Amino acid sequence: MCPKCLNELFDPYDRRYQYPFISCTECGPRYTFSHALPYDRQNTSMDAFIPCAQCAQEYISCSDRRFHGQTICCSNCGPNITFADKNGNSSSFGNSAIVDCAKAIDSGKIIAVKGYGGFHIICDASKDNVVELLRKKLQRPQQPFAVMAKDIGHVRSFAFVNTEEEELLCDVSNPIVVLDKRENMRSLSSISPQLSNVGVMLPYSGIHHLLFHNTLTSVYVMTSANLSGLPMVMDNDVAINDMAKIADNYLLHDLKIENRVDDSVIRSTSRGPLFVRRSRGYVPRSLDLPFMIEPSVGVGAELNTTMTFATGNKAYISQHIGNMAHFEVATYYQKLFNRFGELTSITPEYWGCDLHPHFSTTKFALEHGADNVVPVQHHHAHVVSLMADAQLEKDSRIIGIALDGVGYGDDGSV
């Protein structure tokens, strides 16, 4: 959210005062609500909401900040937000829903909150008993949770933040940034047990800012709402069904998410930012390749997979997809493959896949790529990707070490 929209969000004289879906041409979601190009309202899920007279006038006024803003809306014509019980029964709406959700968080409840790219599970990060209960429900006894802090000042109270890390935290993409803990981080001891660091992000939507405005706590657990190995939940009905044994309440809205996207995760290093997960805020931005390539696609591996479409000297890496052993992930993969091809306008002539014949992605490539499939040994692919990342010419030679478990060998052995 840009500073101008943030000021309007808390300006009682502004007509979008405390409206969580406030945005303009300088901010707001794009990819998660788009199902086709060009990026026009009719090609987004905002098409379901007809602008009111005031919004329509702002849209056509060339002097207005929302001139041709495709996500333009207000409380009179835009998406609505509701607070519901664990069965999905709505109890409050609009800002009252935000206030009720904030009270529930302060009281120790676990909430499933629908955002821009999917659902998050939220609770008060300072309540160890609540965090431990969440771990038990999610069956994640040791896995570190990401947290969202109200502002950079509160981040500094429990983690060290250097200049580059602050720039990353405050960047328009708002990634999770892995920070070193302070020694006195006892108030958040259950967040990343036995680790010296913690993943932190700042509020990036109107919903987040309004929740912090109404809660006593200044740090939330903010973890993706999904069962182990499955995609992040993005539909209301699915969330109410799948999260029934986890969430006490739901904060829902009626804006359809077209593309689920997890939070990006970055670590600052001596050589610059390093992606742990490249997703929200960075997909589908292109990456420059140090060589030219025919229209191609890399279909990914089997676990924690992504896909990459490339042409010329540009590559487009998808968001995290998941474990292809699950039917739900494989179904989502097919849908994303079609949509990503449309968004990038790339029809692949060559299909790169893993050498393992039993991978779902390999079978997918062989089924659709016919004679244009290029199998690649798993660990070799990792090392070659480092060459592209380092902008080395394609005929360069390096020595690489891939520490990535098992892979199907050139000789057919695992």
Protein backbone atom coordinates (compact mmCIF):
# COMPACT_ATOMS: atom_id res chain seq x y z
CA MET A 1 0.00 0.00 0.00
CA CYS A 2 1.38 3.39 -0.99
CA PRO A 3 1.71 6.23 1.58
CA LYS A 4 -1.11 8.23 -0.05
CA CYS A 5 -3.62 5.39 0.26
CA LEU A 6 -2.43 4.67 3.80
CA ASN A 7 -3.09 8.30 4.76
CA GLU A 8 -6.57 8.15 3.23
CA LEU A 9 -7.29 4.86 5.04
CA PHE A 10 -7.00 6.64 8.39
CA ASP A 11 -8.39 10.04 7.36
CA PRO A 12 -11.92 10.31 8.84
CA TYR A 13 -12.79 12.94 6.22
CA ASP A 14 -11.86 10.72 3.27
CA ARG A 15 -14.61 8.70 1.64
CA ARG A 16 -12.45 5.56 1.77
CA TYR A 17 -11.84 5.93 5.51
CA GLN A 18 -11.22 2.48 7.01
CA TYR A 19 -12.07 0.74 3.73
CA PRO A 20 -9.67 -2.23 3.52
CA PHE A 21 -9.61 -2.52 -0.30
CA ILE A 22 -8.37 1.02 -0.89
CA SER A 23 -5.81 1.26 -3.72
CA CYS A 24 -4.69 3.44 -6.62
CA THR A 25 -2.53 3.20 -9.73
CA GLU A 26 0.57 3.32 -7.50
CA CYS A 27 -0.33 0.32 -5.33
CA GLY A 28 -2.66 -2.59 -4.79
CA PRO A 29 -2.81 -6.16 -6.12
CA ARG A 30 -2.35 -7.04 -9.79
CA TYR A 31 -1.32 -10.61 -10.55
CA THR A 32 -3.43 -12.35 -7.90
CA PHE A 33 -6.68 -10.95 -9.31
CA SER A 34 -5.84 -11.19 -13.05
CA HIS A 35 -6.96 -14.04 -15.29
CA ALA A 36 -5.94 -12.62 -18.68
CA LEU A 37 -4.08 -9.80 -20.42
CA PRO A 38 -4.20 -6.90 -21.02
CA TYR A 39 -4.50 -5.74 -17.44
CA ASP A 40 -7.97 -4.23 -17.73
CA ARG A 41 -10.78 -4.48 -15.20
CA GLN A 42 -12.77 -6.95 -17.33
CA ASN A 43 -9.78 -9.32 -17.16
CA THR A 44 -9.68 -9.27 -13.36
CA SER A 45 -11.97 -10.44 -10.58
CA MET A 46 -12.79 -6.75 -9.95
CA ASP A 47 -15.08 -7.03 -12.97
CA ALA A 48 -17.74 -8.45 -10.62
CA PHE A 49 -18.02 -5.03 -8.94
CA ILE A 50 -19.58 -2.17 -10.92
CA PRO A 51 -18.02 1.19 -9.94
CA CYS A 52 -20.31 3.72 -8.31
CA ALA A 53 -20.71 7.20 -9.81
CA GLN A 54 -17.88 8.68 -7.73
CA CYS A 55 -15.44 5.88 -8.56
CA ALA A 56 -16.42 6.04 -12.23
CA GLN A 57 -15.67 9.77 -12.28
CA GLU A 58 -12.26 9.26 -10.68
CA TYR A 59 -11.50 6.57 -13.24
CA ILE A 60 -11.98 8.93 -16.21
CA SER A 61 -10.42 12.02 -14.63
CA CYS A 62 -6.86 12.37 -15.93
CA SER A 63 -5.96 14.60 -12.98
CA ASP A 64 -6.98 11.96 -10.44
CA ARG A 65 -4.52 9.52 -8.86
CA ARG A 66 -6.94 6.72 -9.73
CA PHE A 67 -7.18 7.62 -13.42
CA HIS A 68 -7.62 4.26 -15.19
CA GLY A 69 -6.99 2.44 -11.90
CA GLN A 70 -8.34 -1.03 -12.60
CA THR A 71 -8.90 -1.88 -8.90
CA ILE A 72 -10.75 1.35 -8.15
CA CYS A 73 -13.55 0.83 -5.63
CA CYS A 74 -15.01 2.06 -2.36
CA SER A 75 -17.38 0.83 0.34
CA ASN A 76 -20.36 1.72 -1.86
CA CYS A 77 -19.38 -0.47 -4.81
CA GLY A 78 -16.40 -2.64 -4.00
CA PRO A 79 -15.66 -5.92 -2.23
CA ASN A 80 -17.06 -6.50 1.24
CA ILE A 81 -15.45 -8.02 4.31
CA THR A 82 -17.12 -10.17 6.96
CA PHE A 83 -16.19 -11.79 10.27
CA ALA A 84 -17.52 -15.32 10.71
CA ASP A 85 -17.55 -18.09 13.28
CA LYS A 86 -15.81 -21.44 12.73
CA ASN A 87 -18.82 -22.70 10.78
CA GLY A 88 -18.67 -19.78 8.37
CA ASN A 89 -21.70 -17.93 9.78
CA SER A 90 -21.16 -14.17 9.41
CA SER A 91 -21.58 -12.07 12.54
CA SER A 92 -20.35 -8.64 11.46
CA PHE A 93 -19.48 -6.70 8.33
CA GLY A 94 -17.28 -3.84 7.15
CA ASN A 95 -15.18 -2.12 9.78
CA SER A 96 -17.14 -3.89 12.52
CA ALA A 97 -15.75 -7.15 11.12
CA ILE A 98 -12.22 -5.77 11.45
CA VAL A 99 -12.85 -4.65 15.04
CA ASP A 100 -14.36 -8.01 16.00
CA CYS A 101 -11.47 -9.86 14.41
CA ALA A 102 -8.98 -7.68 16.30
CA LYS A 103 -10.76 -8.43 19.60
CA ALA A 104 -10.64 -12.15 18.82
CA ILE A 105 -6.88 -12.00 18.16
CA ASP A 106 -6.29 -10.16 21.44
CA SER A 107 -8.37 -12.76 23.30
CA GLY A 108 -6.14 -15.59 22.04
CA LYS A 109 -8.19 -16.86 19.11
CA ILE A 110 -6.69 -18.37 15.95
CA ILE A 111 -8.07 -16.66 12.83
CA ALA A 112 -8.05 -17.63 9.15
CA VAL A 113 -7.78 -14.36 7.23
CA LYS A 114 -8.34 -14.09 3.49
CA GLY A 115 -5.79 -11.79 1.87
CA TYR A 116 -4.78 -10.92 -1.69
CA GLY A 117 -3.10 -14.22 -2.63
CA GLY A 118 -4.76 -16.69 -0.28
CA PHE A 119 -5.53 -17.31 3.37
CA HIS A 120 -3.19 -16.78 6.31
CA ILE A 121 -3.51 -18.22 9.80
CA ILE A 122 -3.09 -15.39 12.31
CA CYS A 123 -2.74 -15.26 16.07
CA ASP A 124 -1.05 -13.13 18.74
CA ALA A 125 2.65 -14.00 18.45
CA SER A 126 3.34 -12.95 22.05
CA LYS A 127 1.01 -15.59 23.53
CA ASP A 128 3.14 -18.74 23.77
CA ASN A 129 0.18 -20.93 24.72
CA VAL A 130 -1.72 -19.87 21.59
CA VAL A 131 1.31 -20.37 19.34
CA GLU A 132 1.88 -23.84 20.82
CA LEU A 133 -1.79 -24.68 20.27
CA LEU A 134 -1.46 -23.59 16.65
CA ARG A 135 1.61 -25.81 16.27
CA LYS A 136 -0.34 -28.75 17.62
CA LYS A 137 -3.27 -28.12 15.28
CA LEU A 138 -1.03 -27.73 12.23
CA GLN A 139 1.24 -30.60 13.32
CA ARG A 140 4.29 -28.36 12.98
CA PRO A 141 6.15 -28.87 16.28
CA GLN A 142 9.39 -27.15 15.23
CA GLN A 143 8.82 -25.42 11.89
CA PRO A 144 9.48 -21.69 12.24
CA PHE A 145 6.52 -19.36 11.78
CA ALA A 146 6.77 -16.05 9.96
CA VAL A 147 5.54 -13.00 11.83
CA MET A 148 4.09 -9.68 10.79
CA ALA A 149 4.99 -6.64 12.89
CA LYS A 150 3.03 -3.41 13.09
CA ASP A 151 5.97 -1.25 11.98
CA ILE A 152 9.75 -1.20 11.68
CA GLY A 153 10.10 0.06 15.24
CA HIS A 154 8.45 -3.05 16.64
CA VAL A 155 10.64 -5.23 14.41
CA ARG A 156 13.74 -3.68 15.96
CA SER A 157 12.47 -4.61 19.43
CA PHE A 158 13.03 -8.32 18.78
CA ALA A 159 15.38 -8.53 15.76
CA PHE A 160 18.48 -6.85 14.36
CA VAL A 161 17.80 -4.81 11.21
CA ASN A 162 20.55 -3.38 9.03
CA THR A 163 20.07 -0.82 6.25
CA GLU A 164 19.59 -3.35 3.45
CA GLU A 165 17.16 -5.42 5.53
CA GLU A 166 15.13 -2.32 6.32
CA GLU A 167 14.98 -1.47 2.61
CA LEU A 168 13.74 -4.98 1.86
CA LEU A 169 11.13 -4.85 4.63
CA CYS A 170 9.84 -1.50 3.41
CA ASP A 171 10.02 -2.34 -0.30
CA VAL A 172 6.80 -2.17 -2.30
CA SER A 173 6.94 -5.98 -2.63
CA ASN A 174 6.86 -6.42 1.18
CA PRO A 175 8.61 -9.80 1.38
CA ILE A 176 9.30 -11.83 4.48
CA VAL A 177 12.88 -10.96 5.46
CA VAL A 178 14.92 -13.42 7.52
CA LEU A 179 16.46 -11.46 10.41
CA ASP A 180 18.77 -12.34 13.27
CA LYS A 181 17.01 -12.45 16.62
CA ARG A 182 17.93 -10.25 19.53
CA GLU A 183 19.01 -12.14 22.63
CA ASN A 184 16.05 -10.77 24.58
CA MET A 185 13.44 -12.26 22.19
CA ARG A 186 11.77 -14.15 25.03
CA SER A 187 8.34 -12.70 24.34
CA LEU A 188 8.33 -14.49 20.96
CA SER A 189 10.17 -17.62 22.05
CA SER A 190 7.76 -20.05 20.36
CA ILE A 191 8.00 -18.51 16.90
CA SER A 192 11.24 -20.06 15.63
CA PRO A 193 12.45 -22.45 18.32
CA GLN A 194 16.15 -23.34 18.44
CA LEU A 195 16.93 -20.95 15.59
CA SER A 196 18.95 -17.74 15.68
CA ASN A 197 16.74 -15.99 13.13
CA VAL A 198 13.10 -15.22 12.38
CA GLY A 199 11.12 -14.37 9.24
CA VAL A 200 9.47 -10.95 9.47
CA MET A 201 7.25 -8.84 7.23
CA LEU A 202 5.39 -5.56 7.53
CA PRO A 203 1.70 -4.90 6.76
CA TYR A 204 1.04 -4.65 3.02
CA SER A 205 -2.76 -4.47 2.72
CA GLY A 206 -5.56 -2.39 4.16
CA ILE A 207 -6.76 -5.42 6.13
CA HIS A 208 -3.40 -5.74 7.89
CA HIS A 209 -3.13 -2.04 8.73
CA LEU A 210 -6.69 -1.93 10.08
CA LEU A 211 -6.19 -5.04 12.22
CA PHE A 212 -3.05 -3.60 13.83
CA HIS A 213 -4.90 -0.31 14.36
CA ASN A 214 -7.47 -2.18 16.45
CA THR A 215 -5.39 -4.80 18.31
CA LEU A 216 -3.34 -4.45 21.45
CA THR A 217 -0.62 -6.76 20.18
CA SER A 218 1.95 -5.46 17.72
CA VAL A 219 3.16 -8.80 16.29
CA TYR A 220 1.12 -11.57 14.65
CA VAL A 221 2.00 -15.08 13.62
CA MET A 222 1.35 -14.98 9.88
CA THR A 223 1.58 -18.42 8.29
CA SER A 224 0.06 -19.74 5.08
CA ALA A 225 -3.27 -21.52 5.52
CA ASN A 226 -2.67 -24.92 4.03
CA LEU A 227 -2.42 -28.50 5.17
CA SER A 228 0.99 -30.12 4.77
CA GLY A 229 2.00 -30.50 1.12
CA LEU A 230 -1.20 -28.93 -0.22
CA PRO A 231 -1.61 -25.56 -1.95
CA MET A 232 -2.41 -22.41 0.00
CA VAL A 233 -6.19 -22.11 0.49
CA MET A 234 -7.77 -19.26 -1.49
CA ASP A 235 -11.54 -19.93 -1.60
CA ASN A 236 -13.93 -19.15 1.26
CA ASP A 237 -15.80 -22.46 1.19
CA VAL A 238 -12.60 -24.49 1.00
CA ALA A 239 -11.09 -22.53 3.90
CA ILE A 240 -14.15 -23.09 6.11
CA ASN A 241 -14.03 -26.81 5.33
CA ASP A 242 -10.26 -27.41 5.49
CA MET A 243 -9.50 -25.10 8.42
CA ALA A 244 -12.44 -26.20 10.58
CA LYS A 245 -10.17 -27.94 13.11
CA ILE A 246 -7.63 -25.12 13.13
CA ALA A 247 -9.35 -21.72 13.00
CA ASP A 248 -11.69 -20.33 15.66
CA ASN A 249 -12.98 -17.62 13.31
CA TYR A 250 -12.66 -16.35 9.75
CA LEU A 251 -12.14 -12.90 8.27
CA LEU A 252 -13.54 -13.27 4.74
CA HIS A 253 -14.11 -11.11 1.68
CA ASP A 254 -15.97 -11.66 -1.60
CA LEU A 255 -13.20 -10.74 -4.07
CA LYS A 256 -12.17 -13.84 -6.00
CA ILE A 257 -8.47 -14.73 -5.97
CA GLU A 258 -7.45 -15.82 -9.47
CA ASN A 259 -3.85 -16.78 -8.67
CA ARG A 260 -2.78 -18.03 -5.25
CA VAL A 261 0.56 -16.63 -4.16
CA ASP A 262 2.54 -17.31 -1.00
CA ASP A 263 4.66 -14.63 0.65
CA SER A 264 8.15 -14.19 -0.78
CA VAL A 265 11.07 -14.93 1.57
CA ILE A 266 14.45 -13.16 1.29
CA ARG A 267 17.69 -13.26 3.26
CA SER A 268 20.17 -10.38 3.10
CA THR A 269 23.75 -11.58 2.48
CA SER A 270 27.14 -10.01 1.90
CA ARG A 271 26.53 -10.51 -1.83
CA GLY A 272 23.07 -8.95 -1.77
CA PRO A 273 19.52 -10.28 -1.29
CA LEU A 274 19.06 -14.04 -1.62
CA PHE A 275 15.65 -15.51 -2.40
CA VAL A 276 14.51 -18.39 -0.23
CA ARG A 277 11.12 -18.29 -1.94
CA ARG A 278 10.28 -16.04 -4.89
CA SER A 279 6.55 -15.40 -4.97
CA ARG A 280 4.25 -12.50 -3.99
CA GLY A 281 5.51 -9.16 -5.22
CA TYR A 282 8.04 -10.70 -7.61
CA VAL A 283 5.91 -13.04 -9.76
CA PRO A 284 5.47 -12.74 -12.71
CA ARG A 285 8.36 -10.27 -13.09
CA SER A 286 10.90 -11.40 -15.66
CA LEU A 287 14.52 -12.33 -15.01
CA ASP A 288 17.29 -11.50 -17.48
CA LEU A 289 19.15 -14.46 -18.98
CA PRO A 290 22.79 -14.17 -20.11
CA PHE A 291 21.89 -15.83 -23.42
CA MET A 292 19.08 -16.08 -25.97
CA ILE A 293 16.65 -18.99 -25.89
CA GLU A 294 13.84 -20.24 -28.09
CA PRO A 295 10.32 -20.24 -26.54
CA SER A 296 10.68 -22.90 -23.85
CA VAL A 297 9.30 -24.12 -20.57
CA GLY A 298 10.91 -25.85 -17.60
CA VAL A 299 8.15 -27.88 -15.97
CA GLY A 300 9.84 -28.23 -12.59
CA ALA A 301 10.48 -31.19 -10.31
CA GLU A 302 8.19 -33.09 -7.93
CA LEU A 303 8.55 -31.42 -4.52
CA ASN A 304 8.21 -27.68 -3.86
CA THR A 305 7.97 -27.24 -7.59
CA THR A 306 7.71 -24.16 -9.76
CA MET A 307 7.60 -23.74 -13.54
CA THR A 308 9.56 -21.37 -15.78
CA PHE A 309 8.54 -19.97 -19.16
CA ALA A 310 11.34 -18.36 -21.19
CA THR A 311 11.92 -16.73 -24.54
CA GLY A 312 14.66 -14.47 -25.90
CA ASN A 313 16.70 -13.37 -22.90
CA LYS A 314 13.75 -13.34 -20.48
CA ALA A 315 12.60 -15.98 -18.01
CA TYR A 316 9.38 -15.94 -16.00
CA ILE A 317 9.35 -18.11 -12.88
CA SER A 318 6.01 -19.02 -11.37
CA GLN A 319 5.10 -18.86 -7.71
CA HIS A 320 5.62 -21.88 -5.45
CA ILE A 321 3.21 -24.67 -6.45
CA GLY A 322 3.79 -27.54 -3.99
CA ASN A 323 4.14 -31.30 -3.84
CA MET A 324 2.98 -32.87 -7.09
CA ALA A 325 2.18 -36.15 -5.33
CA HIS A 326 -1.10 -34.59 -4.19
CA PHE A 327 -4.06 -34.57 -6.56
CA GLU A 328 -5.02 -31.02 -5.57
CA VAL A 329 -1.54 -29.76 -6.43
CA ALA A 330 -1.45 -31.57 -9.77
CA THR A 331 -4.84 -30.08 -10.68
CA TYR A 332 -3.65 -26.62 -9.69
CA TYR A 333 -0.45 -27.16 -11.70
CA GLN A 334 -2.41 -27.73 -14.91
CA LYS A 335 -4.48 -24.59 -14.35
CA LEU A 336 -1.44 -22.48 -13.54
CA PHE A 337 0.47 -23.82 -16.54
CA ASN A 338 -2.29 -22.67 -18.91
CA ARG A 339 -2.66 -19.30 -17.23
CA PHE A 340 1.06 -18.61 -16.99
CA GLY A 341 1.43 -19.38 -20.67
CA GLU A 342 -1.34 -16.89 -21.45
CA LEU A 343 0.08 -14.18 -19.20
CA THR A 344 3.58 -14.49 -20.67
CA SER A 345 2.31 -15.03 -24.24
CA ILE A 346 4.81 -17.88 -24.60
CA THR A 347 3.93 -21.05 -26.50
CA PRO A 348 6.83 -23.41 -25.72
CA GLU A 349 8.70 -25.07 -28.53
CA TYR A 350 10.96 -26.96 -26.12
CA TRP A 351 10.05 -28.64 -22.86
CA GLY A 352 12.67 -29.17 -20.15
CA CYS A 353 11.85 -31.78 -17.54
CA ASP A 354 13.49 -33.90 -14.85
CA LEU A 355 15.22 -37.08 -15.94
CA HIS A 356 13.14 -39.13 -13.47
CA PRO A 357 10.49 -40.95 -15.55
CA HIS A 358 8.01 -41.25 -12.67
CA PHE A 359 7.78 -37.56 -11.78
CA SER A 360 4.35 -36.10 -12.52
CA THR A 361 5.98 -33.12 -14.19
CA THR A 362 8.04 -35.40 -16.44
CA LYS A 363 4.91 -37.26 -17.51
CA PHE A 364 3.19 -33.92 -18.12
CA ALA A 365 6.03 -32.76 -20.38
CA LEU A 366 6.11 -36.03 -22.31
CA GLU A 367 2.34 -35.88 -22.80
CA HIS A 368 2.27 -32.31 -24.09
CA GLY A 369 5.75 -31.71 -25.49
CA ALA A 370 5.88 -34.72 -27.84
CA ASP A 371 9.29 -34.88 -29.56
CA ASN A 372 10.45 -31.55 -28.14
CA VAL A 373 11.10 -32.75 -24.58
CA VAL A 374 14.61 -32.34 -23.14
CA PRO A 375 15.14 -34.44 -19.96
CA VAL A 376 17.75 -32.96 -17.59
CA GLN A 377 19.45 -34.66 -14.65
CA HIS A 378 18.11 -33.13 -11.43
CA HIS A 379 21.38 -32.00 -9.83
CA HIS A 380 22.80 -30.85 -13.15
CA ALA A 381 19.77 -28.56 -13.47
CA HIS A 382 20.52 -27.01 -10.08
CA VAL A 383 24.10 -26.23 -11.03
CA VAL A 384 23.15 -24.83 -14.45
CA SER A 385 20.60 -22.56 -12.77
CA LEU A 386 23.46 -21.10 -10.71
CA MET A 387 25.23 -20.23 -13.95
CA ALA A 388 22.19 -18.33 -15.20
CA ASP A 389 21.80 -16.64 -11.82
CA ALA A 390 25.44 -15.52 -11.99
CA GLN A 391 24.91 -14.23 -15.56
CA LEU A 392 27.50 -16.60 -17.06
CA GLU A 393 27.52 -17.30 -20.79
CA LYS A 394 26.00 -20.66 -21.72
CA ASP A 395 29.35 -22.12 -22.85
CA SER A 396 31.00 -21.26 -19.50
CA ARG A 397 32.45 -24.05 -17.37
CA ILE A 398 32.13 -24.22 -13.58
CA ILE A 399 32.54 -26.69 -10.74
CA GLY A 400 29.30 -26.98 -8.79
CA ILE A 401 28.09 -28.87 -5.74
CA ALA A 402 24.37 -29.70 -5.48
CA LEU A 403 23.34 -30.66 -1.94
CA ASP A 404 19.80 -31.69 -2.76
CA GLY A 405 19.21 -35.28 -1.69
CA VAL A 406 18.55 -38.01 -4.24
CA GLY A 407 18.16 -37.63 -7.98
CA TYR A 408 17.67 -39.90 -10.97
CA GLY A 409 21.08 -40.50 -12.52
CA ASP A 410 22.14 -40.57 -16.17
CA ASP A 411 22.66 -44.32 -15.78
CA GLY A 412 19.10 -44.89 -14.56
CA SER A 413 20.03 -45.33 -10.92
CA VAL A 414 18.67 -43.23 -8.03
